PDB file of N, CA and C in Angstrom:
ATOM      1  N   ILE A   1      10.599 -60.647  23.199  1.00  0.00           N
ATOM      2  CA  ILE A   1      11.413 -60.355  22.043  1.00  0.00           C
ATOM      3  C   ILE A   1      12.865 -60.177  22.484  1.00  0.00           C
ATOM      4  N   VAL A   2      13.076 -59.554  23.632  1.00  0.00           N
ATOM      5  CA  VAL A   2      14.438 -59.332  24.117  1.00  0.00           C
ATOM      6  C   VAL A   2      15.121 -60.660  24.410  1.00  0.00           C
ATOM      7  N   MET A   3      14.412 -61.565  25.098  1.00  0.00           N
ATOM      8  CA  MET A   3      15.005 -62.870  25.404  1.00  0.00           C
ATOM      9  C   MET A   3      15.283 -63.650  24.127  1.00  0.00           C
ATOM     10  N   ALA A   4      14.374 -63.607  23.170  1.00  0.00           N
ATOM     11  CA  ALA A   4      14.582 -64.323  21.911  1.00  0.00           C
ATOM     12  C   ALA A   4      15.784 -63.761  21.161  1.00  0.00           C
ATOM     13  N   LEU A   5      15.950 -62.445  21.163  1.00  0.00           N
ATOM     14  CA  LEU A   5      17.118 -61.841  20.509  1.00  0.00           C
ATOM     15  C   LEU A   5      18.411 -62.217  21.219  1.00  0.00           C
ATOM     16  N   LEU A   6      18.393 -62.249  22.550  1.00  0.00           N
ATOM     17  CA  LEU A   6      19.589 -62.648  23.290  1.00  0.00           C
ATOM     18  C   LEU A   6      19.985 -64.081  22.981  1.00  0.00           C
ATOM     19  N   PHE A   7      19.014 -64.984  22.965  1.00  0.00           N
ATOM     20  CA  PHE A   7      19.345 -66.376  22.684  1.00  0.00           C
ATOM     21  C   PHE A   7      19.731 -66.582  21.230  1.00  0.00           C
ATOM     22  N   ASN A   8      19.203 -65.788  20.342  1.00  0.00           N
ATOM     23  CA  ASN A   8      19.616 -65.862  18.944  1.00  0.00           C
ATOM     24  C   ASN A   8      21.072 -65.427  18.805  1.00  0.00           C
ATOM     25  N   TRP A   9      21.465 -64.416  19.538  1.00  0.00           N
ATOM     26  CA  TRP A   9      22.838 -63.926  19.486  1.00  0.00           C
ATOM     27  C   TRP A   9      23.801 -64.884  20.181  1.00  0.00           C
ATOM     28  N   TRP A  10      23.359 -65.483  21.303  1.00  0.00           N
ATOM     29  CA  TRP A  10      24.212 -66.286  22.158  1.00  0.00           C
ATOM     30  C   TRP A  10      24.074 -67.775  21.866  1.00  0.00           C
ATOM     31  N   GLY A  11      23.241 -68.171  20.931  1.00  0.00           N
ATOM     32  CA  GLY A  11      22.817 -69.540  20.710  1.00  0.00           C
ATOM     33  C   GLY A  11      23.895 -70.602  20.765  1.00  0.00           C
ATOM     34  N   ALA A  12      23.679 -71.598  21.604  1.00  0.00           N
ATOM     35  CA  ALA A  12      24.603 -72.718  21.715  1.00  0.00           C
ATOM     36  C   ALA A  12      24.197 -73.858  20.791  1.00  0.00           C
ATOM     37  N   ASN A  13      22.934 -73.925  20.436  1.00  0.00           N
ATOM     38  CA  ASN A  13      22.498 -74.944  19.482  1.00  0.00           C
ATOM     39  C   ASN A  13      21.577 -74.302  18.452  1.00  0.00           C
ATOM     40  N   LYS A  14      21.167 -75.077  17.470  1.00  0.00           N
ATOM     41  CA  LYS A  14      20.381 -74.528  16.357  1.00  0.00           C
ATOM     42  C   LYS A  14      19.008 -74.033  16.803  1.00  0.00           C
ATOM     43  N   TYR A  15      18.419 -74.661  17.824  1.00  0.00           N
ATOM     44  CA  TYR A  15      17.100 -74.231  18.270  1.00  0.00           C
ATOM     45  C   TYR A  15      17.156 -72.861  18.930  1.00  0.00           C
ATOM     46  N   MET A  16      18.275 -72.567  19.578  1.00  0.00           N
ATOM     47  CA  MET A  16      18.429 -71.252  20.201  1.00  0.00           C
ATOM     48  C   MET A  16      18.612 -70.150  19.171  1.00  0.00           C
ATOM     49  N   GLU A  17      19.056 -70.513  17.979  1.00  0.00           N
ATOM     50  CA  GLU A  17      19.363 -69.511  16.957  1.00  0.00           C
ATOM     51  C   GLU A  17      18.176 -69.173  16.068  1.00  0.00           C
ATOM     52  N   LEU A  18      16.969 -69.478  16.512  1.00  0.00           N
ATOM     53  CA  LEU A  18      15.780 -69.096  15.753  1.00  0.00           C
ATOM     54  C   LEU A  18      15.633 -67.580  15.734  1.00  0.00           C
ATOM     55  N   PRO A  19      15.158 -67.025  14.641  1.00  0.00           N
ATOM     56  CA  PRO A  19      14.856 -65.582  14.649  1.00  0.00           C
ATOM     57  C   PRO A  19      13.761 -65.282  15.676  1.00  0.00           C
ATOM     58  N   PHE A  20      13.785 -64.090  16.242  1.00  0.00           N
ATOM     59  CA  PHE A  20      12.860 -63.769  17.331  1.00  0.00           C
ATOM     60  C   PHE A  20      11.408 -63.858  16.901  1.00  0.00           C
ATOM     61  N   TYR A  21      11.105 -63.542  15.644  1.00  0.00           N
ATOM     62  CA  TYR A  21       9.716 -63.571  15.196  1.00  0.00           C
ATOM     63  C   TYR A  21       9.179 -64.993  15.094  1.00  0.00           C
ATOM     64  N   ASN A  22      10.045 -65.996  14.979  1.00  0.00           N
ATOM     65  CA  ASN A  22       9.565 -67.382  14.987  1.00  0.00           C
ATOM     66  C   ASN A  22       9.005 -67.756  16.355  1.00  0.00           C
ATOM     67  N   HIS A  23       9.579 -67.217  17.415  1.00  0.00           N
ATOM     68  CA  HIS A  23       9.057 -67.495  18.755  1.00  0.00           C
ATOM     69  C   HIS A  23       7.657 -66.908  18.927  1.00  0.00           C
ATOM     70  N   LEU A  24       7.379 -65.821  18.232  1.00  0.00           N
ATOM     71  CA  LEU A  24       6.072 -65.176  18.360  1.00  0.00           C
ATOM     72  C   LEU A  24       4.972 -65.927  17.619  1.00  0.00           C
ATOM     73  N   ILE A  25       5.322 -66.679  16.582  1.00  0.00           N
ATOM     74  CA  ILE A  25       4.298 -67.359  15.788  1.00  0.00           C
ATOM     75  C   ILE A  25       4.253 -68.863  16.028  1.00  0.00           C
ATOM     76  N   MET A  26       5.178 -69.402  16.801  1.00  0.00           N
ATOM     77  CA  MET A  26       5.193 -70.841  17.064  1.00  0.00           C
ATOM     78  C   MET A  26       4.242 -71.184  18.202  1.00  0.00           C
ATOM     79  N   GLY A  27       3.549 -72.283  18.057  1.00  0.00           N
ATOM     80  CA  GLY A  27       2.720 -72.798  19.133  1.00  0.00           C
ATOM     81  C   GLY A  27       1.610 -71.858  19.542  1.00  0.00           C
ATOM     82  N   GLY A  28       1.328 -71.838  20.819  1.00  0.00           N
ATOM     83  CA  GLY A  28       0.235 -71.029  21.335  1.00  0.00           C
ATOM     84  C   GLY A  28       0.685 -69.717  21.927  1.00  0.00           C
ATOM     85  N   PHE A  29       1.800 -69.187  21.469  1.00  0.00           N
ATOM     86  CA  PHE A  29       2.327 -67.953  22.052  1.00  0.00           C
ATOM     87  C   PHE A  29       1.354 -66.790  21.882  1.00  0.00           C
ATOM     88  N   ALA A  30       0.847 -66.616  20.678  1.00  0.00           N
ATOM     89  CA  ALA A  30      -0.085 -65.503  20.429  1.00  0.00           C
ATOM     90  C   ALA A  30      -1.390 -65.708  21.193  1.00  0.00           C
ATOM     91  N   PHE A  31      -1.893 -66.941  21.208  1.00  0.00           N
ATOM     92  CA  PHE A  31      -3.125 -67.236  21.946  1.00  0.00           C
ATOM     93  C   PHE A  31      -2.934 -66.967  23.438  1.00  0.00           C
ATOM     94  N   GLY A  32      -1.819 -67.432  23.973  1.00  0.00           N
ATOM     95  CA  GLY A  32      -1.551 -67.214  25.389  1.00  0.00           C
ATOM     96  C   GLY A  32      -1.359 -65.754  25.729  1.00  0.00           C
ATOM     97  N   ALA A  33      -0.682 -65.021  24.853  1.00  0.00           N
ATOM     98  CA  ALA A  33      -0.424 -63.604  25.118  1.00  0.00           C
ATOM     99  C   ALA A  33      -1.695 -62.771  25.041  1.00  0.00           C
ATOM    100  N   VAL A  34      -2.588 -63.114  24.120  1.00  0.00           N
ATOM    101  CA  VAL A  34      -3.784 -62.293  23.913  1.00  0.00           C
ATOM    102  C   VAL A  34      -4.919 -62.693  24.847  1.00  0.00           C
ATOM    103  N   PHE A  35      -5.164 -63.982  24.996  1.00  0.00           N
ATOM    104  CA  PHE A  35      -6.357 -64.418  25.716  1.00  0.00           C
ATOM    105  C   PHE A  35      -6.097 -64.926  27.129  1.00  0.00           C
ATOM    106  N   MET A  36      -4.985 -65.595  27.373  1.00  0.00           N
ATOM    107  CA  MET A  36      -4.793 -66.240  28.666  1.00  0.00           C
ATOM    108  C   MET A  36      -4.041 -65.367  29.668  1.00  0.00           C
ATOM    109  N   ALA A  37      -3.001 -64.689  29.226  1.00  0.00           N
ATOM    110  CA  ALA A  37      -2.205 -63.876  30.152  1.00  0.00           C
ATOM    111  C   ALA A  37      -2.947 -62.624  30.596  1.00  0.00           C
ATOM    112  N   THR A  38      -3.930 -62.198  29.827  1.00  0.00           N
ATOM    113  CA  THR A  38      -4.658 -60.967  30.156  1.00  0.00           C
ATOM    114  C   THR A  38      -5.910 -61.216  30.985  1.00  0.00           C
ATOM    115  N   ASP A  39      -6.073 -62.406  31.503  1.00  0.00           N
ATOM    116  CA  ASP A  39      -7.242 -62.730  32.319  1.00  0.00           C
ATOM    117  C   ASP A  39      -7.257 -61.836  33.560  1.00  0.00           C
ATOM    118  N   PRO A  40      -8.280 -61.027  33.748  1.00  0.00           N
ATOM    119  CA  PRO A  40      -8.264 -60.058  34.850  1.00  0.00           C
ATOM    120  C   PRO A  40      -8.386 -60.685  36.235  1.00  0.00           C
ATOM    121  N   VAL A  41      -8.833 -61.923  36.317  1.00  0.00           N
ATOM    122  CA  VAL A  41      -9.008 -62.549  37.626  1.00  0.00           C
ATOM    123  C   VAL A  41      -7.673 -63.025  38.184  1.00  0.00           C
ATOM    124  N   THR A  42      -6.831 -63.605  37.333  1.00  0.00           N
ATOM    125  CA  THR A  42      -5.588 -64.194  37.822  1.00  0.00           C
ATOM    126  C   THR A  42      -4.364 -63.336  37.568  1.00  0.00           C
ATOM    127  N   ALA A  43      -4.466 -62.301  36.761  1.00  0.00           N
ATOM    128  CA  ALA A  43      -3.314 -61.443  36.465  1.00  0.00           C
ATOM    129  C   ALA A  43      -3.135 -60.411  37.570  1.00  0.00           C
ATOM    130  N   THR A  44      -2.049 -59.680  37.482  1.00  0.00           N
ATOM    131  CA  THR A  44      -1.806 -58.622  38.468  1.00  0.00           C
ATOM    132  C   THR A  44      -2.788 -57.475  38.259  1.00  0.00           C
ATOM    133  N   GLN A  45      -2.982 -56.685  39.298  1.00  0.00           N
ATOM    134  CA  GLN A  45      -3.965 -55.602  39.245  1.00  0.00           C
ATOM    135  C   GLN A  45      -3.330 -54.222  39.130  1.00  0.00           C
ATOM    136  N   THR A  46      -2.064 -54.095  39.504  1.00  0.00           N
ATOM    137  CA  THR A  46      -1.401 -52.795  39.435  1.00  0.00           C
ATOM    138  C   THR A  46      -0.776 -52.596  38.057  1.00  0.00           C
ATOM    139  N   LYS A  47      -0.624 -51.338  37.669  1.00  0.00           N
ATOM    140  CA  LYS A  47      -0.096 -51.022  36.333  1.00  0.00           C
ATOM    141  C   LYS A  47       1.357 -51.484  36.189  1.00  0.00           C
ATOM    142  N   LYS A  48       2.190 -51.150  37.165  1.00  0.00           N
ATOM    143  CA  LYS A  48       3.589 -51.569  37.112  1.00  0.00           C
ATOM    144  C   LYS A  48       3.697 -53.089  37.227  1.00  0.00           C
ATOM    145  N   GLY A  49       2.824 -53.689  38.022  1.00  0.00           N
ATOM    146  CA  GLY A  49       2.810 -55.137  38.159  1.00  0.00           C
ATOM    147  C   GLY A  49       2.457 -55.840  36.860  1.00  0.00           C
ATOM    148  N   MET A  50       1.593 -55.217  36.059  1.00  0.00           N
ATOM    149  CA  MET A  50       1.235 -55.810  34.766  1.00  0.00           C
ATOM    150  C   MET A  50       2.434 -55.871  33.826  1.00  0.00           C
ATOM    151  N   TYR A  51       3.269 -54.831  33.854  1.00  0.00           N
ATOM    152  CA  TYR A  51       4.475 -54.840  33.018  1.00  0.00           C
ATOM    153  C   TYR A  51       5.450 -55.927  33.473  1.00  0.00           C
ATOM    154  N   ILE A  52       5.645 -56.040  34.780  1.00  0.00           N
ATOM    155  CA  ILE A  52       6.534 -57.069  35.321  1.00  0.00           C
ATOM    156  C   ILE A  52       5.988 -58.450  34.994  1.00  0.00           C
ATOM    157  N   TYR A  53       4.702 -58.635  35.197  1.00  0.00           N
ATOM    158  CA  TYR A  53       4.014 -59.901  34.931  1.00  0.00           C
ATOM    159  C   TYR A  53       4.173 -60.310  33.465  1.00  0.00           C
ATOM    160  N   GLY A  54       3.923 -59.400  32.557  1.00  0.00           N
ATOM    161  CA  GLY A  54       4.028 -59.703  31.131  1.00  0.00           C
ATOM    162  C   GLY A  54       5.449 -59.997  30.697  1.00  0.00           C
ATOM    163  N   PHE A  55       6.408 -59.208  31.206  1.00  0.00           N
ATOM    164  CA  PHE A  55       7.807 -59.455  30.851  1.00  0.00           C
ATOM    165  C   PHE A  55       8.255 -60.823  31.336  1.00  0.00           C
ATOM    166  N   LEU A  56       7.893 -61.172  32.565  1.00  0.00           N
ATOM    167  CA  LEU A  56       8.317 -62.462  33.102  1.00  0.00           C
ATOM    168  C   LEU A  56       7.642 -63.630  32.389  1.00  0.00           C
ATOM    169  N   ILE A  57       6.394 -63.477  31.971  1.00  0.00           N
ATOM    170  CA  ILE A  57       5.745 -64.534  31.188  1.00  0.00           C
ATOM    171  C   ILE A  57       6.514 -64.766  29.895  1.00  0.00           C
ATOM    172  N   GLY A  58       6.845 -63.700  29.196  1.00  0.00           N
ATOM    173  CA  GLY A  58       7.594 -63.839  27.948  1.00  0.00           C
ATOM    174  C   GLY A  58       8.974 -64.424  28.159  1.00  0.00           C
ATOM    175  N   ALA A  59       9.677 -63.961  29.188  1.00  0.00           N
ATOM    176  CA  ALA A  59      11.029 -64.455  29.452  1.00  0.00           C
ATOM    177  C   ALA A  59      11.018 -65.930  29.822  1.00  0.00           C
ATOM    178  N   ILE A  60      10.095 -66.335  30.690  1.00  0.00           N
ATOM    179  CA  ILE A  60      10.027 -67.738  31.097  1.00  0.00           C
ATOM    180  C   ILE A  60       9.605 -68.619  29.930  1.00  0.00           C
ATOM    181  N   ALA A  61       8.688 -68.155  29.096  1.00  0.00           N
ATOM    182  CA  ALA A  61       8.256 -68.942  27.930  1.00  0.00           C
ATOM    183  C   ALA A  61       9.421 -69.197  26.982  1.00  0.00           C
ATOM    184  N   ILE A  62      10.214 -68.179  26.712  1.00  0.00           N
ATOM    185  CA  ILE A  62      11.368 -68.349  25.821  1.00  0.00           C
ATOM    186  C   ILE A  62      12.410 -69.251  26.472  1.00  0.00           C
ATOM    187  N   LEU A  63      12.643 -69.088  27.774  1.00  0.00           N
ATOM    188  CA  LEU A  63      13.599 -69.952  28.466  1.00  0.00           C
ATOM    189  C   LEU A  63      13.175 -71.414  28.410  1.00  0.00           C
ATOM    190  N   ILE A  64      11.897 -71.683  28.628  1.00  0.00           N
ATOM    191  CA  ILE A  64      11.415 -73.062  28.576  1.00  0.00           C
ATOM    192  C   ILE A  64      11.552 -73.619  27.169  1.00  0.00           C
ATOM    193  N   ARG A  65      11.217 -72.844  26.169  1.00  0.00           N
ATOM    194  CA  ARG A  65      11.340 -73.304  24.779  1.00  0.00           C
ATOM    195  C   ARG A  65      12.775 -73.591  24.391  1.00  0.00           C
ATOM    196  N   VAL A  66      13.677 -72.732  24.800  1.00  0.00           N
ATOM    197  CA  VAL A  66      15.057 -72.852  24.347  1.00  0.00           C
ATOM    198  C   VAL A  66      15.813 -73.936  25.103  1.00  0.00           C
ATOM    199  N   PHE A  67      15.662 -73.995  26.406  1.00  0.00           N
ATOM    200  CA  PHE A  67      16.453 -74.931  27.189  1.00  0.00           C
ATOM    201  C   PHE A  67      15.810 -76.295  27.352  1.00  0.00           C
ATOM    202  N   ASN A  68      14.577 -76.473  26.946  1.00  0.00           N
ATOM    203  CA  ASN A  68      13.926 -77.778  27.025  1.00  0.00           C
ATOM    204  C   ASN A  68      13.222 -78.062  25.702  1.00  0.00           C
ATOM    205  N   PRO A  69      13.955 -78.508  24.695  1.00  0.00           N
ATOM    206  CA  PRO A  69      13.339 -78.737  23.387  1.00  0.00           C
ATOM    207  C   PRO A  69      12.269 -79.831  23.408  1.00  0.00           C
ATOM    208  N   ALA A  70      12.254 -80.671  24.434  1.00  0.00           N
ATOM    209  CA  ALA A  70      11.232 -81.709  24.522  1.00  0.00           C
ATOM    210  C   ALA A  70       9.871 -81.112  24.873  1.00  0.00           C
ATOM    211  N   TYR A  71       9.856 -79.905  25.410  1.00  0.00           N
ATOM    212  CA  TYR A  71       8.611 -79.229  25.763  1.00  0.00           C
ATOM    213  C   TYR A  71       8.573 -77.886  25.047  1.00  0.00           C
ATOM    214  N   PRO A  72       8.193 -77.881  23.765  1.00  0.00           N
ATOM    215  CA  PRO A  72       8.281 -76.644  22.984  1.00  0.00           C
ATOM    216  C   PRO A  72       7.225 -75.602  23.338  1.00  0.00           C
ATOM    217  N   GLU A  73       6.182 -75.980  24.049  1.00  0.00           N
ATOM    218  CA  GLU A  73       5.112 -75.034  24.363  1.00  0.00           C
ATOM    219  C   GLU A  73       5.255 -74.575  25.804  1.00  0.00           C
ATOM    220  N   GLY A  74       6.103 -73.588  26.024  1.00  0.00           N
ATOM    221  CA  GLY A  74       6.353 -73.098  27.366  1.00  0.00           C
ATOM    222  C   GLY A  74       5.444 -71.967  27.794  1.00  0.00           C
ATOM    223  N   VAL A  75       4.575 -71.519  26.906  1.00  0.00           N
ATOM    224  CA  VAL A  75       3.722 -70.365  27.213  1.00  0.00           C
ATOM    225  C   VAL A  75       2.729 -70.703  28.313  1.00  0.00           C
ATOM    226  N   LEU A  76       2.073 -71.820  28.185  1.00  0.00           N
ATOM    227  CA  LEU A  76       1.060 -72.179  29.183  1.00  0.00           C
ATOM    228  C   LEU A  76       1.683 -72.397  30.553  1.00  0.00           C
ATOM    229  N   LEU A  77       2.835 -73.044  30.585  1.00  0.00           N
ATOM    230  CA  LEU A  77       3.511 -73.255  31.860  1.00  0.00           C
ATOM    231  C   LEU A  77       3.974 -71.932  32.461  1.00  0.00           C
ATOM    232  N   SER A  78       4.473 -71.036  31.636  1.00  0.00           N
ATOM    233  CA  SER A  78       4.917 -69.742  32.167  1.00  0.00           C
ATOM    234  C   SER A  78       3.740 -68.912  32.677  1.00  0.00           C
ATOM    235  N   ILE A  79       2.593 -68.999  32.010  1.00  0.00           N
ATOM    236  CA  ILE A  79       1.401 -68.285  32.491  1.00  0.00           C
ATOM    237  C   ILE A  79       0.950 -68.855  33.829  1.00  0.00           C
ATOM    238  N   LEU A  80       0.971 -70.171  33.963  1.00  0.00           N
ATOM    239  CA  LEU A  80       0.598 -70.783  35.242  1.00  0.00           C
ATOM    240  C   LEU A  80       1.553 -70.362  36.358  1.00  0.00           C
ATOM    241  N   LEU A  81       2.845 -70.379  36.073  1.00  0.00           N
ATOM    242  CA  LEU A  81       3.816 -69.971  37.091  1.00  0.00           C
ATOM    243  C   LEU A  81       3.617 -68.514  37.506  1.00  0.00           C
ATOM    244  N   MET A  82       3.400 -67.648  36.545  1.00  0.00           N
ATOM    245  CA  MET A  82       3.233 -66.237  36.882  1.00  0.00           C
ATOM    246  C   MET A  82       1.882 -65.959  37.539  1.00  0.00           C
ATOM    247  N   ASN A  83       0.864 -66.763  37.259  1.00  0.00           N
ATOM    248  CA  ASN A  83      -0.408 -66.612  37.969  1.00  0.00           C
ATOM    249  C   ASN A  83      -0.236 -66.922  39.450  1.00  0.00           C
ATOM    250  N   VAL A  84       0.662 -67.843  39.765  1.00  0.00           N
ATOM    251  CA  VAL A  84       0.949 -68.142  41.164  1.00  0.00           C
ATOM    252  C   VAL A  84       1.628 -66.944  41.832  1.00  0.00           C
ATOM    253  N   PHE A  85       2.512 -66.276  41.093  1.00  0.00           N
ATOM    254  CA  PHE A  85       3.274 -65.167  41.662  1.00  0.00           C
ATOM    255  C   PHE A  85       2.620 -63.803  41.487  1.00  0.00           C
ATOM    256  N   ALA A  86       1.479 -63.726  40.838  1.00  0.00           N
ATOM    257  CA  ALA A  86       0.810 -62.437  40.604  1.00  0.00           C
ATOM    258  C   ALA A  86       0.482 -61.697  41.905  1.00  0.00           C
ATOM    259  N   PRO A  87      -0.066 -62.356  42.934  1.00  0.00           N
ATOM    260  CA  PRO A  87      -0.322 -61.617  44.184  1.00  0.00           C
ATOM    261  C   PRO A  87       0.962 -61.107  44.841  1.00  0.00           C
ATOM    262  N   LEU A  88       2.039 -61.867  44.714  1.00  0.00           N
ATOM    263  CA  LEU A  88       3.315 -61.441  45.287  1.00  0.00           C
ATOM    264  C   LEU A  88       3.861 -60.214  44.556  1.00  0.00           C
ATOM    265  N   ILE A  89       3.737 -60.203  43.239  1.00  0.00           N
ATOM    266  CA  ILE A  89       4.166 -59.036  42.456  1.00  0.00           C
ATOM    267  C   ILE A  89       3.359 -57.812  42.868  1.00  0.00           C
ATOM    268  N   ASP A  90       2.038 -57.972  42.963  1.00  0.00           N
ATOM    269  CA  ASP A  90       1.188 -56.849  43.382  1.00  0.00           C
ATOM    270  C   ASP A  90       1.564 -56.349  44.772  1.00  0.00           C
ATOM    271  N   HIS A  91       1.850 -57.271  45.669  1.00  0.00           N
ATOM    272  CA  HIS A  91       2.218 -56.893  47.038  1.00  0.00           C
ATOM    273  C   HIS A  91       3.470 -56.019  47.041  1.00  0.00           C
ATOM    274  N   TYR A  92       4.500 -56.438  46.323  1.00  0.00           N
ATOM    275  CA  TYR A  92       5.747 -55.672  46.312  1.00  0.00           C
ATOM    276  C   TYR A  92       5.606 -54.346  45.571  1.00  0.00           C
ATOM    277  N   VAL A  93       4.791 -54.307  44.537  1.00  0.00           N
ATOM    278  CA  VAL A  93       4.561 -53.040  43.834  1.00  0.00           C
ATOM    279  C   VAL A  93       3.829 -52.061  44.745  1.00  0.00           C
ATOM    280  N   ILE A  94       2.825 -52.534  45.453  1.00  0.00           N
ATOM    281  CA  ILE A  94       2.078 -51.667  46.371  1.00  0.00           C
ATOM    282  C   ILE A  94       2.972 -51.194  47.515  1.00  0.00           C
ATOM    283  N   GLU A  95       3.803 -52.098  48.044  1.00  0.00           N
ATOM    284  CA  GLU A  95       4.729 -51.703  49.114  1.00  0.00           C
ATOM    285  C   GLU A  95       5.712 -50.641  48.639  1.00  0.00           C
ATOM    286  N   SER A  96       6.212 -50.780  47.415  1.00  0.00           N
ATOM    287  CA  SER A  96       7.146 -49.760  46.905  1.00  0.00           C
ATOM    288  C   SER A  96       6.432 -48.425  46.699  1.00  0.00           C
ATOM    289  N   ASN A  97       5.171 -48.457  46.269  1.00  0.00           N
ATOM    290  CA  ASN A  97       4.403 -47.212  46.121  1.00  0.00           C
ATOM    291  C   ASN A  97       4.154 -46.545  47.468  1.00  0.00           C
ATOM    292  N   ILE A  98       3.874 -47.339  48.483  1.00  0.00           N
ATOM    293  CA  ILE A  98       3.662 -46.791  49.829  1.00  0.00           C
ATOM    294  C   ILE A  98       4.939 -46.136  50.338  1.00  0.00           C
ATOM    295  N   LYS A  99       6.085 -46.793  50.131  1.00  0.00           N
ATOM    296  CA  LYS A  99       7.358 -46.219  50.578  1.00  0.00           C
ATOM    297  C   LYS A  99       7.660 -44.911  49.857  1.00  0.00           C
ATOM    298  N   LYS A 100       7.392 -44.850  48.558  1.00  0.00           N
ATOM    299  CA  LYS A 100       7.619 -43.610  47.808  1.00  0.00           C
ATOM    300  C   LYS A 100       6.733 -42.491  48.327  1.00  0.00           C
ATOM    301  N   ARG A 101       5.484 -42.801  48.616  1.00  0.00           N
ATOM    302  CA  ARG A 101       4.560 -41.775  49.110  1.00  0.00           C
ATOM    303  C   ARG A 101       4.939 -41.303  50.508  1.00  0.00           C
ATOM    304  N   LEU A 102       5.393 -42.231  51.349  1.00  0.00           N
ATOM    305  CA  LEU A 102       5.828 -41.828  52.690  1.00  0.00           C
ATOM    306  C   LEU A 102       7.048 -40.917  52.618  1.00  0.00           C
ATOM    307  N   LYS A 103       7.980 -41.216  51.714  1.00  0.00           N
ATOM    308  CA  LYS A 103       9.142 -40.333  51.539  1.00  0.00           C
ATOM    309  C   LYS A 103       8.706 -38.958  51.050  1.00  0.00           C
ATOM    310  N   ARG A 104       7.755 -38.916  50.137  1.00  0.00           N
ATOM    311  CA  ARG A 104       7.252 -37.650  49.609  1.00  0.00           C
ATOM    312  C   ARG A 104       6.580 -36.834  50.717  1.00  0.00           C
ATOM    313  N   ILE A 105       5.824 -37.505  51.584  1.00  0.00           N
ATOM    314  CA  ILE A 105       5.157 -36.812  52.692  1.00  0.00           C
ATOM    315  C   ILE A 105       6.191 -36.263  53.671  1.00  0.00           C
ATOM    316  N   LYS A 106       7.242 -37.047  53.964  1.00  0.00           N
ATOM    317  CA  LYS A 106       8.282 -36.575  54.884  1.00  0.00           C
ATOM    318  C   LYS A 106       8.988 -35.347  54.331  1.00  0.00           C
ATOM    319  N   VAL A 107       9.222 -35.321  53.034  1.00  0.00           N
ATOM    320  CA  VAL A 107       9.866 -34.156  52.419  1.00  0.00           C
ATOM    321  C   VAL A 107       8.950 -32.947  52.502  1.00  0.00           C
ATOM    322  N   LEU A 108       7.669 -33.116  52.243  1.00  0.00           N
ATOM    323  CA  LEU A 108       6.722 -32.004  52.290  1.00  0.00           C
ATOM    324  C   LEU A 108       6.535 -31.481  53.707  1.00  0.00           C
ATOM    325  N   VAL A 109       6.498 -32.381  54.686  1.00  0.00           N
ATOM    326  CA  VAL A 109       6.301 -31.978  56.076  1.00  0.00           C
ATOM    327  C   VAL A 109       7.547 -31.276  56.611  1.00  0.00           C
ATOM    328  N   SER A 110       8.729 -31.737  56.220  1.00  0.00           N
ATOM    329  CA  SER A 110       9.969 -31.134  56.727  1.00  0.00           C
ATOM    330  C   SER A 110      10.217 -29.746  56.142  1.00  0.00           C
ATOM    331  N   ASN A 111       9.632 -29.450  54.999  1.00  0.00           N
ATOM    332  CA  ASN A 111       9.813 -28.116  54.388  1.00  0.00           C
ATOM    333  C   ASN A 111       8.833 -27.188  54.962  1.00  0.00           C
TER     334      ASN A 111
END
């Protein structure tokens, strides 16, 4: 919704100036958001990673729709791209959690 609102405000052509709710009902966006992006096997496993994963799927889908009018269904492509990067997102989220916990332990031990 944020990306759709930004492109509606910044629109360089008529396709970019669609209201944000049109992006939600066009094509397979709802199907992809409800059934395909939530697949537990290929999606991220961490809670913070799920938020990053979902935001990036939505952002990439809107970018593909807006900047490539010849390919109006960017949801499936964005889900495929983010499925490739899901393990990487999980890795960095877990690494950041480990660093936070190590800092917390150092503070507790030093006191």
